[in-house]
Amino acid sequence: MRLRGWTARWKGGFTREVVSHLLFLTGRLAGTFTLQERFAAFPEAGRSERAIRARLTAGGLPVTLVGSVGTTGKDDHNTWTLQGSAGAIRLRDWSTAERLVDGTWQADGDTIPHEMLRPLVLRRQLEAVAAMTRGEVHPLATLAEALAVQEAVETILAG
């Protein structure tokens, strides 16, 4: 991931801008976070972090978080992986779901490319915001979930 315009810690950084979404997904699926270890590297004074590591639990399950900037040629690359006794699955680059089969990550043949999926996701998000404003059930983060993610992110960055 390239950081382009994020020049100061208070203006973002990949932990606040990207990792927060992946922490939300983890919390939504597994449960409450408990941070056990954390590290954040700020190699340039006044700029955002360039690497993080954290060990935590979510709903009692072990979670390892590793992130860095400038380690890939892609503009926006991220993965979220769930590994268990039945195998491993991951979400890559926001929208590609893959399963680990015989040591190789394989996407479902019906996977919609990110470029085509993005407008659908944005429409669903706007529909969810509209539902929330009407007091209807919606899939957006609750205030408690959002606060838990923010607290975890800020604690990681303080490390």
N, C-alpha and C. Protein backbone atom coordinates (compact mmCIF):
# COMPACT_ATOMS: atom_id res chain seq x y z
N MET A 1 0.85 -1.15 0.00
CA MET A 1 0.00 0.00 0.00
C MET A 1 0.90 1.22 0.00
N ARG A 2 0.57 2.21 -0.80
CA ARG A 2 1.30 3.47 -0.81
C ARG A 2 0.49 4.50 -0.06
N LEU A 3 1.17 5.36 0.69
CA LEU A 3 0.46 6.29 1.56
C LEU A 3 0.13 7.64 0.93
N ARG A 4 0.59 7.93 -0.21
CA ARG A 4 0.28 9.18 -0.93
C ARG A 4 0.10 10.37 0.00
N GLY A 5 -1.10 10.78 0.34
CA GLY A 5 -1.34 12.04 1.04
C GLY A 5 -1.29 11.99 2.55
N TRP A 6 -1.09 10.84 3.16
CA TRP A 6 -1.11 10.75 4.63
C TRP A 6 0.26 11.13 5.15
N THR A 7 0.41 12.35 5.61
CA THR A 7 1.73 12.82 6.00
C THR A 7 1.92 12.98 7.49
N ALA A 8 0.87 13.06 8.23
CA ALA A 8 1.01 13.23 9.68
C ALA A 8 0.21 12.16 10.41
N ARG A 9 0.64 11.84 11.59
CA ARG A 9 -0.05 10.80 12.37
C ARG A 9 -1.52 11.11 12.50
N TRP A 10 -1.88 12.33 12.77
CA TRP A 10 -3.28 12.68 13.01
C TRP A 10 -4.09 12.69 11.74
N LYS A 11 -3.47 12.58 10.58
CA LYS A 11 -4.21 12.58 9.32
C LYS A 11 -4.55 11.18 8.85
N GLY A 12 -4.17 10.16 9.55
CA GLY A 12 -4.56 8.83 9.12
C GLY A 12 -3.47 7.81 9.35
N GLY A 13 -2.98 7.25 8.26
CA GLY A 13 -2.07 6.13 8.34
C GLY A 13 -2.85 4.87 8.08
N PHE A 14 -2.17 3.82 7.67
CA PHE A 14 -2.88 2.62 7.24
C PHE A 14 -3.60 1.90 8.37
N THR A 15 -3.15 2.05 9.60
CA THR A 15 -3.83 1.37 10.70
C THR A 15 -5.22 1.96 10.91
N ARG A 16 -5.31 3.27 10.90
CA ARG A 16 -6.62 3.91 11.05
C ARG A 16 -7.48 3.74 9.80
N GLU A 17 -6.86 3.84 8.63
CA GLU A 17 -7.61 3.87 7.38
C GLU A 17 -7.97 2.49 6.83
N VAL A 18 -7.16 1.48 7.10
CA VAL A 18 -7.38 0.14 6.53
C VAL A 18 -7.56 -0.91 7.62
N VAL A 19 -6.62 -0.99 8.53
CA VAL A 19 -6.66 -2.04 9.56
C VAL A 19 -7.94 -1.94 10.38
N SER A 20 -8.46 -0.74 10.57
CA SER A 20 -9.69 -0.58 11.34
C SER A 20 -10.84 -1.41 10.74
N HIS A 21 -10.92 -1.47 9.42
CA HIS A 21 -11.98 -2.26 8.78
C HIS A 21 -11.79 -3.75 9.04
N LEU A 22 -10.54 -4.20 9.00
CA LEU A 22 -10.27 -5.61 9.21
C LEU A 22 -10.46 -5.99 10.68
N LEU A 23 -10.16 -5.07 11.59
CA LEU A 23 -10.45 -5.31 13.00
C LEU A 23 -11.96 -5.38 13.25
N PHE A 24 -12.71 -4.52 12.57
CA PHE A 24 -14.17 -4.58 12.70
C PHE A 24 -14.68 -5.94 12.27
N LEU A 25 -14.22 -6.43 11.11
CA LEU A 25 -14.64 -7.74 10.62
C LEU A 25 -14.31 -8.82 11.64
N THR A 26 -13.11 -8.77 12.20
CA THR A 26 -12.70 -9.75 13.20
C THR A 26 -13.61 -9.69 14.42
N GLY A 27 -13.87 -8.49 14.90
CA GLY A 27 -14.73 -8.35 16.07
C GLY A 27 -16.16 -8.78 15.81
N ARG A 28 -16.66 -8.45 14.63
CA ARG A 28 -18.03 -8.82 14.28
C ARG A 28 -18.17 -10.35 14.23
N LEU A 29 -17.14 -11.02 13.72
CA LEU A 29 -17.21 -12.48 13.60
C LEU A 29 -16.84 -13.22 14.88
N ALA A 30 -15.85 -12.69 15.62
CA ALA A 30 -15.32 -13.45 16.74
C ALA A 30 -15.68 -12.91 18.12
N GLY A 31 -15.80 -11.60 18.25
CA GLY A 31 -16.14 -11.05 19.56
C GLY A 31 -15.18 -9.99 20.04
N THR A 32 -15.29 -9.66 21.32
CA THR A 32 -14.56 -8.57 21.95
C THR A 32 -13.05 -8.76 21.89
N PHE A 33 -12.34 -7.63 21.66
CA PHE A 33 -10.87 -7.64 21.59
C PHE A 33 -10.24 -7.54 22.96
N THR A 34 -9.13 -8.24 23.11
CA THR A 34 -8.23 -8.04 24.24
C THR A 34 -6.83 -7.97 23.66
N LEU A 35 -6.21 -6.81 23.77
CA LEU A 35 -4.88 -6.60 23.22
C LEU A 35 -3.84 -7.13 24.18
N GLN A 36 -2.90 -7.93 23.67
CA GLN A 36 -1.88 -8.52 24.52
C GLN A 36 -0.50 -7.93 24.26
N GLU A 37 -0.15 -7.74 22.99
CA GLU A 37 1.13 -7.14 22.63
C GLU A 37 0.90 -6.21 21.46
N ARG A 38 1.74 -5.16 21.37
CA ARG A 38 1.59 -4.23 20.26
C ARG A 38 2.92 -3.57 19.94
N PHE A 39 3.06 -3.18 18.70
CA PHE A 39 4.24 -2.46 18.23
C PHE A 39 3.84 -1.62 17.03
N ALA A 40 4.32 -0.39 16.99
CA ALA A 40 4.11 0.48 15.83
C ALA A 40 5.41 1.21 15.53
N ALA A 41 5.80 1.22 14.26
CA ALA A 41 7.03 1.89 13.85
C ALA A 41 6.70 3.20 13.15
N PHE A 42 7.28 4.27 13.67
CA PHE A 42 7.15 5.61 13.09
C PHE A 42 8.56 6.08 12.73
N PRO A 43 9.12 5.59 11.62
CA PRO A 43 10.52 5.91 11.30
C PRO A 43 10.78 7.36 10.90
N GLU A 44 9.75 8.08 10.50
CA GLU A 44 9.93 9.48 10.10
C GLU A 44 9.12 10.37 11.03
N ALA A 45 9.78 11.27 11.70
CA ALA A 45 9.12 12.16 12.64
C ALA A 45 7.98 12.92 11.95
N GLY A 46 6.83 12.97 12.61
CA GLY A 46 5.70 13.71 12.10
C GLY A 46 4.92 13.03 11.01
N ARG A 47 5.26 11.79 10.69
CA ARG A 47 4.54 11.05 9.65
C ARG A 47 3.86 9.83 10.25
N SER A 48 2.96 9.25 9.47
CA SER A 48 2.19 8.10 9.95
C SER A 48 3.08 6.86 10.09
N GLU A 49 2.53 5.85 10.73
CA GLU A 49 3.25 4.61 10.96
C GLU A 49 3.59 3.92 9.63
N ARG A 50 4.64 3.12 9.65
CA ARG A 50 5.04 2.37 8.46
C ARG A 50 4.94 0.87 8.69
N ALA A 51 4.80 0.46 9.96
CA ALA A 51 4.65 -0.97 10.26
C ALA A 51 3.99 -1.11 11.63
N ILE A 52 3.21 -2.18 11.76
CA ILE A 52 2.60 -2.51 13.05
C ILE A 52 2.63 -4.03 13.22
N ARG A 53 2.61 -4.43 14.47
CA ARG A 53 2.42 -5.83 14.84
C ARG A 53 1.60 -5.82 16.12
N ALA A 54 0.68 -6.75 16.21
CA ALA A 54 -0.09 -6.87 17.44
C ALA A 54 -0.53 -8.31 17.63
N ARG A 55 -0.65 -8.68 18.87
CA ARG A 55 -1.22 -9.98 19.22
C ARG A 55 -2.39 -9.68 20.15
N LEU A 56 -3.54 -10.25 19.83
CA LEU A 56 -4.72 -10.01 20.62
C LEU A 56 -5.61 -11.24 20.58
N THR A 57 -6.67 -11.18 21.33
CA THR A 57 -7.70 -12.19 21.21
C THR A 57 -8.99 -11.46 20.84
N ALA A 58 -9.84 -12.17 20.15
CA ALA A 58 -11.17 -11.66 19.80
C ALA A 58 -12.14 -12.78 20.15
N GLY A 59 -12.96 -12.55 21.14
CA GLY A 59 -13.87 -13.59 21.60
C GLY A 59 -13.12 -14.81 22.09
N GLY A 60 -11.93 -14.60 22.63
CA GLY A 60 -11.11 -15.70 23.13
C GLY A 60 -10.25 -16.38 22.08
N LEU A 61 -10.42 -16.03 20.81
CA LEU A 61 -9.62 -16.63 19.74
C LEU A 61 -8.35 -15.84 19.52
N PRO A 62 -7.20 -16.51 19.27
CA PRO A 62 -5.96 -15.78 19.04
C PRO A 62 -5.98 -15.06 17.69
N VAL A 63 -5.49 -13.82 17.70
CA VAL A 63 -5.43 -13.00 16.49
C VAL A 63 -4.03 -12.43 16.38
N THR A 64 -3.44 -12.54 15.21
CA THR A 64 -2.15 -11.94 14.92
C THR A 64 -2.36 -10.88 13.85
N LEU A 65 -1.86 -9.70 14.09
CA LEU A 65 -2.03 -8.58 13.17
C LEU A 65 -0.64 -8.10 12.76
N VAL A 66 -0.40 -8.06 11.45
CA VAL A 66 0.86 -7.58 10.91
C VAL A 66 0.55 -6.68 9.74
N GLY A 67 1.13 -5.49 9.71
CA GLY A 67 0.89 -4.58 8.61
C GLY A 67 2.10 -3.73 8.33
N SER A 68 2.26 -3.33 7.08
CA SER A 68 3.37 -2.47 6.71
C SER A 68 3.04 -1.72 5.43
N VAL A 69 3.82 -0.69 5.18
CA VAL A 69 3.65 0.16 4.01
C VAL A 69 4.90 0.04 3.15
N GLY A 70 4.69 0.01 1.85
CA GLY A 70 5.82 0.01 0.93
C GLY A 70 6.45 -1.36 0.71
N THR A 71 5.75 -2.42 1.07
CA THR A 71 6.31 -3.77 0.91
C THR A 71 5.70 -4.52 -0.26
N THR A 72 4.85 -3.85 -1.03
CA THR A 72 4.24 -4.47 -2.20
C THR A 72 4.16 -3.43 -3.31
N GLY A 73 4.12 -3.89 -4.53
CA GLY A 73 4.01 -3.00 -5.67
C GLY A 73 2.59 -2.54 -5.94
N LYS A 74 1.63 -3.13 -5.24
CA LYS A 74 0.22 -2.77 -5.45
C LYS A 74 -0.11 -1.48 -4.72
N ASP A 75 -1.03 -0.70 -5.28
CA ASP A 75 -1.46 0.53 -4.64
C ASP A 75 -2.24 0.27 -3.36
N ASP A 76 -3.02 -0.78 -3.32
CA ASP A 76 -3.89 -1.05 -2.17
C ASP A 76 -4.01 -2.55 -2.02
N HIS A 77 -3.18 -3.14 -1.16
CA HIS A 77 -3.19 -4.59 -0.98
C HIS A 77 -3.37 -4.90 0.50
N ASN A 78 -4.31 -5.80 0.78
CA ASN A 78 -4.52 -6.23 2.15
C ASN A 78 -5.10 -7.63 2.14
N THR A 79 -4.89 -8.35 3.22
CA THR A 79 -5.49 -9.67 3.38
C THR A 79 -5.97 -9.83 4.82
N TRP A 80 -7.06 -10.55 4.96
CA TRP A 80 -7.60 -10.95 6.24
C TRP A 80 -7.77 -12.46 6.14
N THR A 81 -7.13 -13.21 7.03
CA THR A 81 -7.12 -14.66 6.94
C THR A 81 -7.71 -15.27 8.21
N LEU A 82 -8.55 -16.27 8.02
CA LEU A 82 -9.11 -17.05 9.12
C LEU A 82 -8.60 -18.47 8.95
N GLN A 83 -7.89 -18.95 9.97
CA GLN A 83 -7.33 -20.29 9.91
C GLN A 83 -7.84 -21.09 11.09
N GLY A 84 -8.30 -22.30 10.79
CA GLY A 84 -8.82 -23.17 11.84
C GLY A 84 -8.58 -24.62 11.51
N SER A 85 -9.15 -25.49 12.29
CA SER A 85 -8.92 -26.93 12.11
C SER A 85 -9.48 -27.45 10.79
N ALA A 86 -10.45 -26.75 10.21
CA ALA A 86 -11.05 -27.19 8.94
C ALA A 86 -10.36 -26.57 7.72
N GLY A 87 -9.35 -25.74 7.94
CA GLY A 87 -8.64 -25.13 6.82
C GLY A 87 -8.52 -23.63 6.99
N ALA A 88 -8.29 -22.94 5.87
CA ALA A 88 -8.10 -21.49 5.92
C ALA A 88 -8.84 -20.81 4.77
N ILE A 89 -9.38 -19.64 5.08
CA ILE A 89 -10.01 -18.78 4.07
C ILE A 89 -9.42 -17.38 4.26
N ARG A 90 -9.49 -16.59 3.20
CA ARG A 90 -9.04 -15.22 3.35
C ARG A 90 -9.85 -14.29 2.46
N LEU A 91 -9.84 -13.04 2.86
CA LEU A 91 -10.41 -11.96 2.07
C LEU A 91 -9.21 -11.13 1.62
N ARG A 92 -9.05 -10.99 0.31
CA ARG A 92 -7.88 -10.30 -0.24
C ARG A 92 -8.33 -9.05 -0.99
N ASP A 93 -7.60 -7.97 -0.75
CA ASP A 93 -7.83 -6.71 -1.47
C ASP A 93 -9.30 -6.28 -1.40
N TRP A 94 -9.85 -6.35 -0.20
CA TRP A 94 -11.19 -5.89 0.15
C TRP A 94 -12.32 -6.81 -0.28
N SER A 95 -12.20 -7.55 -1.39
CA SER A 95 -13.41 -8.23 -1.88
C SER A 95 -13.20 -9.61 -2.49
N THR A 96 -11.99 -10.09 -2.58
CA THR A 96 -11.78 -11.41 -3.18
C THR A 96 -11.68 -12.46 -2.09
N ALA A 97 -12.69 -13.33 -2.00
CA ALA A 97 -12.70 -14.41 -1.02
C ALA A 97 -11.99 -15.62 -1.63
N GLU A 98 -11.08 -16.20 -0.85
CA GLU A 98 -10.30 -17.34 -1.33
C GLU A 98 -10.22 -18.40 -0.24
N ARG A 99 -10.03 -19.63 -0.68
CA ARG A 99 -9.85 -20.78 0.22
C ARG A 99 -8.49 -21.40 -0.08
N LEU A 100 -7.79 -21.83 0.97
CA LEU A 100 -6.50 -22.48 0.80
C LEU A 100 -6.75 -23.95 0.48
N VAL A 101 -6.34 -24.36 -0.72
CA VAL A 101 -6.52 -25.73 -1.19
C VAL A 101 -5.16 -26.27 -1.63
N ASP A 102 -4.69 -27.30 -0.96
CA ASP A 102 -3.41 -27.91 -1.29
C ASP A 102 -2.29 -26.89 -1.39
N GLY A 103 -2.26 -25.94 -0.44
CA GLY A 103 -1.19 -24.95 -0.38
C GLY A 103 -1.32 -23.77 -1.33
N THR A 104 -2.43 -23.69 -2.06
CA THR A 104 -2.63 -22.61 -3.02
C THR A 104 -3.94 -21.89 -2.72
N TRP A 105 -3.90 -20.55 -2.73
CA TRP A 105 -5.12 -19.78 -2.53
C TRP A 105 -5.93 -19.79 -3.80
N GLN A 106 -7.20 -20.20 -3.68
CA GLN A 106 -8.08 -20.29 -4.85
C GLN A 106 -9.37 -19.54 -4.60
N ALA A 107 -9.71 -18.66 -5.56
CA ALA A 107 -10.97 -17.93 -5.48
C ALA A 107 -12.06 -18.76 -6.13
N ASP A 108 -13.28 -18.53 -5.69
CA ASP A 108 -14.43 -19.15 -6.32
C ASP A 108 -14.51 -18.65 -7.76
N GLY A 109 -14.87 -19.51 -8.68
CA GLY A 109 -14.96 -19.14 -10.09
C GLY A 109 -15.99 -18.06 -10.37
N ASP A 110 -16.94 -17.87 -9.46
CA ASP A 110 -17.98 -16.85 -9.64
C ASP A 110 -17.63 -15.52 -8.99
N THR A 111 -16.38 -15.38 -8.52
CA THR A 111 -15.96 -14.15 -7.86
C THR A 111 -16.07 -12.96 -8.80
N ILE A 112 -16.68 -11.89 -8.30
CA ILE A 112 -16.82 -10.65 -9.09
C ILE A 112 -15.56 -9.82 -8.88
N PRO A 113 -14.93 -9.35 -9.95
CA PRO A 113 -13.73 -8.51 -9.80
C PRO A 113 -14.03 -7.25 -8.98
N HIS A 114 -13.03 -6.80 -8.24
CA HIS A 114 -13.18 -5.64 -7.35
C HIS A 114 -13.75 -4.43 -8.09
N GLU A 115 -13.29 -4.19 -9.28
CA GLU A 115 -13.75 -3.03 -10.05
C GLU A 115 -15.25 -3.07 -10.31
N MET A 116 -15.80 -4.27 -10.50
CA MET A 116 -17.24 -4.42 -10.74
C MET A 116 -18.02 -4.46 -9.42
N LEU A 117 -17.39 -4.98 -8.39
CA LEU A 117 -18.05 -5.13 -7.10
C LEU A 117 -18.17 -3.80 -6.35
N ARG A 118 -17.20 -2.93 -6.51
CA ARG A 118 -17.14 -1.68 -5.75
C ARG A 118 -18.45 -0.87 -5.82
N PRO A 119 -19.02 -0.63 -7.01
CA PRO A 119 -20.28 0.13 -7.05
C PRO A 119 -21.43 -0.57 -6.31
N LEU A 120 -21.47 -1.91 -6.35
CA LEU A 120 -22.51 -2.65 -5.63
C LEU A 120 -22.36 -2.48 -4.12
N VAL A 121 -21.11 -2.56 -3.65
CA VAL A 121 -20.84 -2.41 -2.22
C VAL A 121 -21.21 -1.01 -1.75
N LEU A 122 -20.83 0.00 -2.53
CA LEU A 122 -21.17 1.38 -2.15
C LEU A 122 -22.67 1.59 -2.10
N ARG A 123 -23.40 1.02 -3.05
CA ARG A 123 -24.86 1.16 -3.04
C ARG A 123 -25.44 0.50 -1.79
N ARG A 124 -24.95 -0.69 -1.44
CA ARG A 124 -25.44 -1.37 -0.24
C ARG A 124 -25.13 -0.58 1.02
N GLN A 125 -23.95 0.06 1.06
CA GLN A 125 -23.61 0.88 2.21
C GLN A 125 -24.57 2.06 2.34
N LEU A 126 -24.86 2.71 1.24
CA LEU A 126 -25.79 3.84 1.27
C LEU A 126 -27.19 3.38 1.67
N GLU A 127 -27.61 2.23 1.18
CA GLU A 127 -28.91 1.68 1.59
C GLU A 127 -28.93 1.39 3.09
N ALA A 128 -27.81 0.92 3.62
CA ALA A 128 -27.72 0.64 5.06
C ALA A 128 -27.77 1.93 5.87
N VAL A 129 -27.11 2.98 5.38
CA VAL A 129 -27.18 4.28 6.07
C VAL A 129 -28.62 4.77 6.08
N ALA A 130 -29.31 4.65 4.95
CA ALA A 130 -30.72 5.07 4.88
C ALA A 130 -31.56 4.27 5.87
N ALA A 131 -31.34 2.96 5.95
CA ALA A 131 -32.08 2.11 6.89
C ALA A 131 -31.79 2.55 8.33
N MET A 132 -30.53 2.85 8.62
CA MET A 132 -30.16 3.29 9.96
C MET A 132 -30.88 4.58 10.33
N THR A 133 -30.96 5.53 9.40
CA THR A 133 -31.61 6.81 9.70
C THR A 133 -33.11 6.64 9.92
N ARG A 134 -33.68 5.56 9.36
CA ARG A 134 -35.11 5.28 9.56
C ARG A 134 -35.34 4.41 10.79
N GLY A 135 -34.26 4.06 11.49
CA GLY A 135 -34.40 3.23 12.68
C GLY A 135 -34.60 1.76 12.38
N GLU A 136 -34.26 1.34 11.16
CA GLU A 136 -34.43 -0.06 10.75
C GLU A 136 -33.15 -0.85 11.02
N VAL A 137 -33.28 -2.16 10.97
CA VAL A 137 -32.13 -3.05 11.12
C VAL A 137 -31.17 -2.81 9.95
N HIS A 138 -29.87 -2.78 10.26
CA HIS A 138 -28.85 -2.53 9.24
C HIS A 138 -27.56 -3.26 9.64
N PRO A 139 -26.64 -3.49 8.69
CA PRO A 139 -25.41 -4.21 9.00
C PRO A 139 -24.24 -3.32 9.41
N LEU A 140 -24.44 -2.02 9.52
CA LEU A 140 -23.35 -1.10 9.84
C LEU A 140 -22.88 -1.30 11.28
N ALA A 141 -21.69 -0.82 11.57
CA ALA A 141 -21.13 -0.93 12.91
C ALA A 141 -22.00 -0.21 13.93
N THR A 142 -22.14 -0.82 15.08
CA THR A 142 -22.80 -0.15 16.19
C THR A 142 -21.80 0.83 16.81
N LEU A 143 -22.29 1.72 17.65
CA LEU A 143 -21.38 2.64 18.33
C LEU A 143 -20.38 1.87 19.19
N ALA A 144 -20.83 0.81 19.84
CA ALA A 144 -19.93 0.02 20.69
C ALA A 144 -18.85 -0.67 19.85
N GLU A 145 -19.24 -1.22 18.70
CA GLU A 145 -18.25 -1.86 17.82
C GLU A 145 -17.24 -0.83 17.30
N ALA A 146 -17.74 0.32 16.88
CA ALA A 146 -16.84 1.36 16.36
C ALA A 146 -15.87 1.84 17.43
N LEU A 147 -16.36 2.03 18.64
CA LEU A 147 -15.49 2.46 19.74
C LEU A 147 -14.44 1.40 20.06
N ALA A 148 -14.83 0.13 20.07
CA ALA A 148 -13.87 -0.95 20.35
C ALA A 148 -12.76 -0.96 19.30
N VAL A 149 -13.12 -0.78 18.04
CA VAL A 149 -12.11 -0.74 16.98
C VAL A 149 -11.21 0.48 17.16
N GLN A 150 -11.79 1.64 17.42
CA GLN A 150 -11.00 2.86 17.59
C GLN A 150 -10.03 2.71 18.77
N GLU A 151 -10.51 2.17 19.87
CA GLU A 151 -9.64 1.98 21.04
C GLU A 151 -8.51 1.01 20.73
N ALA A 152 -8.80 -0.07 20.01
CA ALA A 152 -7.75 -1.03 19.64
C ALA A 152 -6.73 -0.38 18.73
N VAL A 153 -7.18 0.35 17.72
CA VAL A 153 -6.28 1.03 16.78
C VAL A 153 -5.37 2.01 17.52
N GLU A 154 -5.96 2.85 18.35
CA GLU A 154 -5.15 3.86 19.05
C GLU A 154 -4.18 3.22 20.03
N THR A 155 -4.57 2.12 20.65
CA THR A 155 -3.67 1.42 21.56
C THR A 155 -2.52 0.80 20.79
N ILE A 156 -2.79 0.20 19.63
CA ILE A 156 -1.72 -0.35 18.79
C ILE A 156 -0.76 0.75 18.39
N LEU A 157 -1.28 1.89 17.97
CA LEU A 157 -0.42 2.98 17.53
C LEU A 157 0.37 3.61 18.67
N ALA A 158 -0.15 3.50 19.89
CA ALA A 158 0.58 4.03 21.05
C ALA A 158 1.75 3.14 21.41
N GLY A 159 1.73 1.89 20.90
CA GLY A 159 2.79 0.93 21.24
C GLY A 159 4.01 1.21 20.45
